[in-house]
Amino acid sequence: MFSGGNWFAWFPVRVRTKRGERWAWLENVWRDRTVTAYGAGPYRYYA
């Protein structure tokens, strides 16, 4: 199952865009991660 939502990047994160990847900082981005009964995976960030 996925868990995600809007998030304010208050520290620099690498985000995926339509054209590739870039750094995002001090802006709203979308983040999600996979959550199972055994734990949660790392966050993925999108702009």
N, C-alpha and C. Protein backbone atom coordinates (compact mmCIF):
# COMPACT_ATOMS: atom_id res chain seq x y z
N MET A 1 0.84 -1.17 0.00
CA MET A 1 0.00 0.00 0.00
C MET A 1 0.89 1.24 0.00
N PHE A 2 0.43 2.28 -0.67
CA PHE A 2 1.19 3.52 -0.73
C PHE A 2 0.62 4.54 0.25
N SER A 3 1.50 5.32 0.82
CA SER A 3 1.12 6.41 1.70
C SER A 3 1.84 7.65 1.20
N GLY A 4 1.09 8.73 0.94
CA GLY A 4 1.74 9.92 0.42
C GLY A 4 0.90 11.16 0.57
N GLY A 5 1.49 12.29 0.22
CA GLY A 5 0.79 13.56 0.30
C GLY A 5 1.71 14.72 0.04
N ASN A 6 1.16 15.92 0.07
CA ASN A 6 1.97 17.12 -0.08
C ASN A 6 2.86 17.29 1.13
N TRP A 7 4.09 17.80 0.88
CA TRP A 7 5.05 17.98 1.95
C TRP A 7 5.91 19.18 1.62
N PHE A 8 6.22 20.00 2.61
CA PHE A 8 7.09 21.16 2.41
C PHE A 8 8.53 20.72 2.64
N ALA A 9 9.35 20.86 1.60
CA ALA A 9 10.75 20.43 1.67
C ALA A 9 11.56 21.47 2.44
N TRP A 10 11.65 21.34 3.75
CA TRP A 10 12.38 22.30 4.56
C TRP A 10 13.86 21.96 4.63
N PHE A 11 14.26 20.84 4.04
CA PHE A 11 15.68 20.54 3.83
C PHE A 11 15.81 20.03 2.39
N PRO A 12 16.99 20.17 1.78
CA PRO A 12 17.14 19.77 0.37
C PRO A 12 16.89 18.28 0.14
N VAL A 13 16.04 17.98 -0.84
CA VAL A 13 15.77 16.59 -1.23
C VAL A 13 15.87 16.48 -2.74
N ARG A 14 16.18 15.30 -3.22
CA ARG A 14 16.25 15.02 -4.65
C ARG A 14 14.85 14.63 -5.11
N VAL A 15 14.28 15.36 -6.07
CA VAL A 15 12.93 15.08 -6.56
C VAL A 15 12.98 14.60 -8.00
N ARG A 16 12.00 13.79 -8.36
CA ARG A 16 11.86 13.33 -9.74
C ARG A 16 10.88 14.24 -10.46
N THR A 17 11.21 14.60 -11.69
CA THR A 17 10.34 15.42 -12.51
C THR A 17 10.12 14.71 -13.84
N LYS A 18 9.32 15.31 -14.71
CA LYS A 18 9.11 14.73 -16.04
C LYS A 18 10.40 14.69 -16.85
N ARG A 19 11.30 15.65 -16.61
CA ARG A 19 12.54 15.75 -17.39
C ARG A 19 13.75 15.12 -16.73
N GLY A 20 13.58 14.54 -15.56
CA GLY A 20 14.72 13.93 -14.87
C GLY A 20 14.63 14.17 -13.38
N GLU A 21 15.76 14.55 -12.79
CA GLU A 21 15.81 14.81 -11.37
C GLU A 21 16.41 16.18 -11.10
N ARG A 22 16.07 16.74 -9.94
CA ARG A 22 16.64 18.01 -9.51
C ARG A 22 16.53 18.11 -8.00
N TRP A 23 17.21 19.09 -7.43
CA TRP A 23 17.12 19.35 -6.00
C TRP A 23 15.96 20.28 -5.72
N ALA A 24 15.21 20.02 -4.66
CA ALA A 24 14.12 20.89 -4.22
C ALA A 24 14.40 21.30 -2.79
N TRP A 25 14.12 22.57 -2.50
CA TRP A 25 14.34 23.09 -1.16
C TRP A 25 13.42 24.27 -0.93
N LEU A 26 12.76 24.31 0.19
CA LEU A 26 11.82 25.37 0.57
C LEU A 26 10.69 25.53 -0.45
N GLU A 27 10.11 24.41 -0.84
CA GLU A 27 8.95 24.40 -1.74
C GLU A 27 8.11 23.17 -1.44
N ASN A 28 6.88 23.18 -1.90
CA ASN A 28 5.99 22.03 -1.72
C ASN A 28 6.29 20.97 -2.76
N VAL A 29 6.41 19.75 -2.32
CA VAL A 29 6.63 18.61 -3.22
C VAL A 29 5.67 17.50 -2.80
N TRP A 30 5.55 16.49 -3.63
CA TRP A 30 4.75 15.31 -3.31
C TRP A 30 5.71 14.22 -2.86
N ARG A 31 5.39 13.56 -1.75
CA ARG A 31 6.23 12.44 -1.33
C ARG A 31 5.34 11.25 -1.02
N ASP A 32 5.87 10.06 -1.31
CA ASP A 32 5.14 8.84 -0.99
C ASP A 32 6.13 7.75 -0.62
N ARG A 33 5.59 6.69 -0.05
CA ARG A 33 6.40 5.52 0.30
C ARG A 33 5.50 4.31 0.39
N THR A 34 6.09 3.16 0.28
CA THR A 34 5.38 1.90 0.39
C THR A 34 5.33 1.49 1.86
N VAL A 35 4.13 1.12 2.31
CA VAL A 35 3.94 0.70 3.70
C VAL A 35 3.32 -0.69 3.69
N THR A 36 3.93 -1.61 4.41
CA THR A 36 3.40 -2.97 4.54
C THR A 36 3.29 -3.32 6.01
N ALA A 37 2.83 -4.51 6.29
CA ALA A 37 2.73 -4.96 7.67
C ALA A 37 4.11 -5.16 8.30
N TYR A 38 5.15 -5.25 7.47
CA TYR A 38 6.50 -5.49 7.95
C TYR A 38 7.33 -4.23 8.10
N GLY A 39 6.78 -3.09 7.71
CA GLY A 39 7.51 -1.84 7.85
C GLY A 39 7.23 -0.91 6.67
N ALA A 40 7.99 0.18 6.60
CA ALA A 40 7.81 1.17 5.55
C ALA A 40 9.12 1.38 4.80
N GLY A 41 9.00 1.66 3.52
CA GLY A 41 10.16 1.90 2.70
C GLY A 41 10.60 3.35 2.75
N PRO A 42 11.63 3.70 2.00
CA PRO A 42 12.09 5.08 1.98
C PRO A 42 11.12 5.99 1.23
N TYR A 43 11.16 7.27 1.55
CA TYR A 43 10.31 8.24 0.86
C TYR A 43 10.84 8.47 -0.55
N ARG A 44 9.92 8.70 -1.48
CA ARG A 44 10.25 9.14 -2.85
C ARG A 44 9.61 10.49 -3.03
N TYR A 45 10.32 11.42 -3.65
CA TYR A 45 9.86 12.80 -3.79
C TYR A 45 9.64 13.12 -5.26
N TYR A 46 8.54 13.85 -5.54
CA TYR A 46 8.18 14.22 -6.90
C TYR A 46 7.82 15.71 -6.95
N ALA A 47 8.13 16.34 -8.09
CA ALA A 47 7.77 17.75 -8.27
C ALA A 47 6.99 17.91 -9.55
